[in-house]
Protein backbone atom coordinates (compact mmCIF):
# COMPACT_ATOMS: atom_id res chain seq x y z
CA UNK A 1 -6.12 -41.74 125.30
CA UNK A 2 -6.40 -45.44 125.71
CA UNK A 3 -7.52 -45.74 122.22
CA UNK A 4 -4.70 -43.66 120.92
CA UNK A 5 -2.24 -45.73 122.94
CA UNK A 6 -3.67 -48.87 121.49
CA UNK A 7 -1.35 -50.00 118.65
CA UNK A 8 -4.15 -51.61 116.72
CA UNK A 9 -6.25 -48.53 116.76
CA UNK A 10 -3.31 -46.41 115.90
CA UNK A 11 -2.55 -48.68 112.85
CA UNK A 12 -6.09 -48.38 111.66
CA UNK A 13 -6.09 -44.68 111.90
CA UNK A 14 -2.93 -44.43 109.98
CA UNK A 15 -4.28 -46.77 107.29
CA UNK A 16 -7.35 -44.77 107.03
CA UNK A 17 -5.36 -41.59 106.56
CA UNK A 18 -2.98 -43.30 104.02
CA UNK A 19 -6.04 -44.60 102.15
CA UNK A 20 -7.66 -41.21 101.96
CA UNK A 21 -4.47 -39.57 100.84
CA UNK A 22 -4.11 -42.28 98.09
CA UNK A 23 -7.66 -41.83 97.00
CA UNK A 24 -7.20 -37.97 96.89
CA UNK A 25 -4.00 -38.35 94.99
CA UNK A 26 -5.53 -40.80 92.54
CA UNK A 27 -8.46 -38.43 91.88
CA UNK A 28 -6.11 -35.51 91.27
CA UNK A 29 -3.89 -37.59 88.95
CA UNK A 30 -6.95 -38.81 87.03
CA UNK A 31 -8.11 -35.35 86.57
CA UNK A 32 -4.67 -34.21 85.29
CA UNK A 33 -4.55 -37.09 82.88
CA UNK A 34 -8.07 -36.36 81.58
CA UNK A 35 -7.14 -32.73 81.11
CA UNK A 36 -3.91 -33.58 79.25
CA UNK A 37 -5.71 -36.13 77.07
CA UNK A 38 -8.54 -33.68 76.30
CA UNK A 39 -5.91 -30.90 75.33
CA UNK A 40 -4.01 -33.38 73.11
CA UNK A 41 -7.32 -34.45 71.46
CA UNK A 42 -8.32 -30.88 70.80
CA UNK A 43 -4.87 -30.03 69.47
CA UNK A 44 -4.84 -32.99 67.13
CA UNK A 45 -8.32 -32.05 65.89
CA UNK A 46 -7.35 -28.48 65.35
CA UNK A 47 -3.90 -29.09 63.74
CA UNK A 48 -5.34 -30.74 60.52
CA UNK A 49 -7.77 -27.99 60.11
CA UNK A 50 -4.90 -25.33 60.46
CA UNK A 51 -2.88 -27.36 57.92
CA UNK A 52 -5.78 -27.97 55.65
CA UNK A 53 -6.70 -24.28 55.45
CA UNK A 54 -3.59 -23.05 53.52
CA UNK A 55 -3.62 -26.18 51.26
CA UNK A 56 -7.25 -25.52 50.19
CA UNK A 57 -6.45 -21.89 49.61
CA UNK A 58 -3.45 -22.81 47.49
CA UNK A 59 -5.48 -25.14 45.39
CA UNK A 60 -8.18 -22.54 44.98
CA UNK A 61 -5.56 -19.98 43.83
CA UNK A 62 -4.13 -22.53 41.38
CA UNK A 63 -7.48 -23.29 39.90
CA UNK A 64 -8.24 -19.49 39.50
CA UNK A 65 -4.83 -18.91 37.85
CA UNK A 66 -5.43 -21.92 35.42
CA UNK A 67 -8.90 -20.47 34.56
CA UNK A 68 -7.41 -17.01 33.98
CA UNK A 69 -4.68 -18.46 31.78
CA UNK A 70 -7.24 -20.31 29.78
CA UNK A 71 -9.29 -17.23 29.35
CA UNK A 72 -6.24 -15.24 28.37
CA UNK A 73 -5.15 -17.88 25.77
CA UNK A 74 -8.81 -17.75 24.37
CA UNK A 75 -8.63 -14.00 24.10
CA UNK A 76 -5.24 -14.14 22.28
CA UNK A 77 -6.47 -16.65 19.86
CA UNK A 78 -9.47 -14.46 19.09
CA UNK A 79 -7.22 -11.44 18.68
CA UNK A 80 -4.86 -13.40 16.40
CA UNK A 81 -7.84 -14.57 14.27
CA UNK A 82 -9.06 -10.95 14.07
CA UNK A 83 -5.56 -9.67 13.15
CA UNK A 84 -5.22 -12.37 10.54
CA UNK A 85 -8.63 -11.61 9.06
CA UNK A 86 -7.97 -7.88 8.93
CA UNK A 87 -4.58 -8.48 7.37
CA UNK A 88 -6.09 -10.81 4.81
CA UNK A 89 -8.73 -8.13 4.04
CA UNK A 90 -6.17 -5.40 3.75
CA UNK A 91 -3.94 -7.56 1.39
CA UNK A 92 -7.06 -8.40 -0.71
CA UNK A 93 -8.05 -4.80 -0.99
CA UNK A 94 -4.44 -3.67 -1.73
CA UNK A 95 -4.05 -6.33 -4.37
CA UNK A 96 -7.27 -5.46 -6.14
CA UNK A 97 -6.67 -1.66 -6.34
CA UNK A 98 -6.47 -0.32 -9.84
CA UNK A 99 -3.64 1.99 -8.71
CA UNK A 100 -0.21 0.72 -8.12
CA UNK A 101 1.01 1.04 -4.41
CA UNK A 102 4.55 0.93 -3.09
CA UNK A 103 5.76 1.27 0.53
CA UNK A 104 9.28 2.53 0.66
CA UNK A 105 11.27 2.58 4.02
CA UNK A 106 13.63 5.51 4.89
CA UNK A 107 16.66 3.51 3.73
CA UNK A 108 15.21 3.39 0.18
CA UNK A 109 13.97 -0.18 0.20
CA UNK A 110 10.62 -1.21 -1.19
CA UNK A 111 8.94 -3.32 1.49
CA UNK A 112 5.49 -3.80 -0.02
CA UNK A 113 4.04 -3.61 -3.51
CA UNK A 114 0.59 -4.73 -4.96
CA UNK A 115 0.04 -6.43 -8.23
CA UNK A 116 -0.78 -3.25 -10.20
CA UNK A 117 2.60 -1.76 -9.13
CA UNK A 118 4.39 -4.87 -10.31
CA UNK A 119 2.63 -4.81 -13.67
CA UNK A 120 3.25 -1.03 -14.21
CA UNK A 121 6.96 -1.22 -13.24
CA UNK A 122 7.49 -4.59 -15.05
CA UNK A 123 8.99 -6.26 -12.07
CA UNK A 124 7.88 -9.73 -10.81
CA UNK A 125 8.71 -8.74 -7.28
CA UNK A 126 10.10 -5.40 -6.44
CA UNK A 127 10.07 -6.08 -2.68
CA UNK A 128 13.49 -5.84 -1.14
CA UNK A 129 14.90 -3.81 -4.10
CA UNK A 130 16.34 -0.36 -3.80
CA UNK A 131 14.28 2.36 -5.46
CA UNK A 132 17.36 3.44 -7.32
CA UNK A 133 17.53 0.08 -8.94
CA UNK A 134 13.79 0.20 -9.92
CA UNK A 135 13.47 3.76 -11.17
CA UNK A 136 17.28 4.03 -12.22
CA UNK A 137 17.68 7.27 -14.10
CA UNK A 138 13.99 7.83 -15.06
CA UNK A 139 13.67 11.63 -15.74
CA UNK A 140 10.99 13.96 -14.32
CA UNK A 141 8.69 15.44 -16.77
CA UNK A 142 7.96 18.49 -14.78
CA UNK A 143 10.52 20.12 -12.34
CA UNK A 144 9.90 19.86 -8.57
CA UNK A 145 11.11 21.76 -5.57
CA UNK A 146 14.63 20.99 -4.71
CA UNK A 147 15.91 20.72 -8.22
CA UNK A 148 15.74 16.93 -8.51
CA UNK A 149 16.04 15.86 -12.10
CA UNK A 150 15.22 12.15 -11.78
CA UNK A 151 12.32 10.32 -10.06
CA UNK A 152 14.65 8.35 -7.69
CA UNK A 153 16.32 11.58 -6.53
CA UNK A 154 12.98 13.19 -5.80
CA UNK A 155 11.79 10.22 -3.74
CA UNK A 156 15.01 10.09 -1.73
CA UNK A 157 14.66 13.80 -0.94
CA UNK A 158 11.17 13.11 0.23
CA UNK A 159 12.44 10.27 2.43
CA UNK A 160 14.93 12.71 4.09
CA UNK A 161 12.66 15.54 4.80
CA UNK A 162 9.16 14.36 4.01
CA UNK A 163 7.29 14.94 0.69
CA UNK A 164 6.95 18.58 -0.24
CA UNK A 165 4.98 17.82 -3.43
CA UNK A 166 1.87 15.95 -3.95
CA UNK A 167 2.41 14.59 -7.53
CA UNK A 168 5.48 13.62 -9.69
CA UNK A 169 5.44 12.89 -13.44
CA UNK A 170 8.21 10.88 -14.92
CA UNK A 171 9.16 8.99 -18.11
CA UNK A 172 9.86 5.36 -17.14
CA UNK A 173 11.44 2.50 -19.10
CA UNK A 174 10.46 -1.10 -17.89
CA UNK A 175 13.25 -3.73 -17.74
CA UNK A 176 11.85 -5.12 -21.05
CA UNK A 177 12.12 -1.78 -22.73
CA UNK A 178 8.47 -0.62 -22.62
CA UNK A 179 8.01 3.19 -22.31
CA UNK A 180 5.73 4.30 -19.57
CA UNK A 181 4.52 7.74 -18.43
CA UNK A 182 4.12 7.60 -14.75
CA UNK A 183 2.20 9.76 -12.38
CA UNK A 184 3.13 9.30 -8.63
CA UNK A 185 1.56 10.60 -5.39
CA UNK A 186 3.64 10.37 -2.28
CA UNK A 187 2.28 10.24 1.23
CA UNK A 188 4.39 10.18 4.48
CA UNK A 189 3.82 7.35 6.98
CA UNK A 190 4.63 8.40 10.52
CA UNK A 191 4.64 6.83 13.90
CA UNK A 192 2.54 8.13 16.81
CA UNK A 193 5.63 10.06 17.90
CA UNK A 194 6.07 11.73 14.68
CA UNK A 195 8.96 9.55 13.38
CA UNK A 196 8.97 8.97 9.69
CA UNK A 197 8.35 5.23 9.07
CA UNK A 198 8.43 5.44 5.19
CA UNK A 199 6.53 6.75 2.22
CA UNK A 200 3.56 5.26 0.43
CA UNK A 201 3.92 5.81 -3.30
CA UNK A 202 0.69 5.58 -5.39
CA UNK A 203 1.52 5.28 -9.11
CA UNK A 204 -0.59 5.31 -12.26
CA UNK A 205 0.37 4.48 -15.81
CA UNK A 206 -0.56 7.54 -17.95
CA UNK A 207 1.00 6.28 -21.08
CA UNK A 208 -2.38 5.93 -22.97
CA UNK A 209 -3.44 9.43 -21.81
CA UNK A 210 -0.19 10.92 -23.01
CA UNK A 211 -0.44 9.09 -26.33
CA UNK A 212 -4.04 10.57 -26.75
CA UNK A 213 -2.71 13.99 -25.82
CA UNK A 214 0.09 13.66 -28.43
CA UNK A 215 -2.26 12.43 -30.98
CA UNK A 216 -4.62 15.31 -30.29
CA UNK A 217 -1.75 17.73 -30.57
CA UNK A 218 -0.66 16.07 -33.80
CA UNK A 219 -4.18 16.20 -35.17
CA UNK A 220 -4.41 19.96 -34.38
CA UNK A 221 -0.98 20.45 -36.11
CA UNK A 222 -1.93 18.54 -39.14
CA UNK A 223 -5.34 20.25 -39.24
CA UNK A 224 -3.54 23.51 -39.36
CA UNK A 225 -1.21 22.34 -42.05
CA UNK A 226 -3.96 20.78 -44.11
CA UNK A 227 -6.08 23.92 -43.87
CA UNK A 228 -3.14 25.87 -45.21
CA UNK A 229 -2.66 23.24 -47.96
CA UNK A 230 -6.29 23.43 -48.87
CA UNK A 231 -6.17 27.20 -48.99
CA UNK A 232 -3.17 27.08 -51.32
CA UNK A 233 -4.80 24.43 -53.53
CA UNK A 234 -7.92 26.46 -53.77
CA UNK A 235 -5.98 29.49 -54.66
CA UNK A 236 -4.17 27.50 -57.33
CA UNK A 237 -7.42 26.13 -58.76
CA UNK A 238 -8.85 29.62 -58.68
CA UNK A 239 -5.87 31.00 -60.51
CA UNK A 240 -6.05 28.34 -63.17
CA UNK A 241 -9.79 29.02 -63.62
CA UNK A 242 -9.18 32.66 -64.04
CA UNK A 243 -6.43 32.07 -66.59
CA UNK A 244 -8.63 29.68 -68.52
CA UNK A 245 -11.50 32.11 -68.54
CA UNK A 246 -9.39 34.96 -69.99
CA UNK A 247 -7.48 32.81 -72.55
CA UNK A 248 -8.43 32.48 -76.23
CA UNK A 249 -5.89 29.82 -76.80
CA UNK A 250 -7.58 26.41 -76.91
CA UNK A 251 -4.20 24.62 -76.22
CA UNK A 252 -3.55 26.80 -73.14
CA UNK A 253 -7.13 26.38 -71.92
CA UNK A 254 -6.63 22.51 -72.28
CA UNK A 255 -3.41 22.68 -70.19
CA UNK A 256 -5.01 24.74 -67.57
CA UNK A 257 -7.95 22.27 -67.32
CA UNK A 258 -5.47 19.42 -66.94
CA UNK A 259 -3.65 21.32 -64.14
CA UNK A 260 -6.99 21.98 -62.40
CA UNK A 261 -7.73 18.23 -62.53
CA UNK A 262 -4.34 17.42 -61.15
CA UNK A 263 -4.84 19.88 -58.27
CA UNK A 264 -8.21 18.60 -57.55
CA UNK A 265 -6.92 15.03 -57.51
CA UNK A 266 -4.25 16.14 -55.03
CA UNK A 267 -6.74 17.91 -52.87
CA UNK A 268 -8.95 14.77 -52.76
CA UNK A 269 -5.91 12.57 -51.86
CA UNK A 270 -4.93 15.03 -49.15
CA UNK A 271 -8.39 15.09 -47.54
CA UNK A 272 -8.71 11.34 -47.83
CA UNK A 273 -5.28 10.65 -46.28
CA UNK A 274 -6.11 13.00 -43.38
CA UNK A 275 -9.56 11.37 -42.71
CA UNK A 276 -7.93 7.86 -42.90
CA UNK A 277 -5.17 8.90 -40.46
CA UNK A 278 -7.60 10.44 -37.99
CA UNK A 279 -9.85 7.35 -38.13
CA UNK A 280 -6.98 4.82 -37.68
CA UNK A 281 -5.12 6.92 -35.04
CA UNK A 282 -1.90 5.05 -35.66
CA UNK A 283 0.55 5.28 -32.78
CA UNK A 284 4.21 4.36 -32.91
CA UNK A 285 6.15 4.29 -29.64
CA UNK A 286 3.93 6.92 -28.05
CA UNK A 287 4.00 9.27 -31.11
CA UNK A 288 1.30 9.28 -33.82
CA UNK A 289 2.73 8.56 -37.32
CA UNK A 290 1.99 11.03 -39.95
CA UNK A 291 0.01 9.42 -42.75
CA UNK A 292 1.02 11.96 -45.44
CA UNK A 293 3.38 14.88 -45.81
CA UNK A 294 1.35 17.94 -46.68
CA UNK A 295 4.15 20.45 -46.97
CA UNK A 296 6.50 20.10 -49.95
CA UNK A 297 4.18 19.71 -52.99
CA UNK A 298 1.75 22.49 -52.39
CA UNK A 299 4.47 25.09 -52.42
CA UNK A 300 5.64 23.92 -55.82
CA UNK A 301 2.11 23.99 -57.17
CA UNK A 302 1.52 27.55 -55.90
CA UNK A 303 4.91 28.60 -57.49
CA UNK A 304 3.76 26.97 -60.82
CA UNK A 305 0.38 28.74 -60.59
CA UNK A 306 2.10 32.04 -60.19
CA UNK A 307 4.35 31.29 -63.11
CA UNK A 308 1.45 30.52 -65.29
CA UNK A 309 -0.32 33.72 -64.18
CA UNK A 310 2.70 35.86 -64.95
């Protein structure tokens, strides 16, 4: 009690308690500060990683998109080269075909024509020209279903309802006045949905074939006429010979011999002219020119022979 009542001792006790409290308070504050600093350091360390994660992902996505864009551009270039090569091959094949090819749209415009078609039709470039301006009033050689009389009308009917006939034959006159016999084949070009995109027209120049056919027909006709003429000439010569054999008049026999010689010369001329015409095969504007007329003179000679016989 005396110690507690001693002021010095009391001061020492209070100082000791105050010092202990200050030490405890300092330890607590130091721990709190250490925890705060540790939390801030961990937060600062984690924050850049959290920010860096989306940025890295963004750059990775950008790089991937750039790579895909480059690959897509490469594929597009390859496809364009393939399409260009295929188009060049198609154009080369089309231009070298011996058959003329036209593509006609539903509005009647020629959109494509190869070189053979240009040569046959006599147009430098029929592309973009109406079919009515190209074929004009070219008549059909053989009638077709629908009653169309001209080639342009038949193609227009095919553009409206599709081609109902495989081939057309028409007489055509080029802009320079050359006569052509055309044979055309029509084929419909349709879209996947069935819509008519146009008509492909394959045309051939049959002029030479028609000329040969006309020449053959002419030769057959002339052959028949010549056979008749030969028959008449032989009958005439036979009649002269019979008259000469039964005649006692030297003057009449001499005249009959002269008539026989004339008839034989005519017969030789007829056969020679026929052989020369057949060998030459002369053709004028699609028709074979007759080298000789076999019809008028034989009738007169036969009539003369009959008069002499009477």
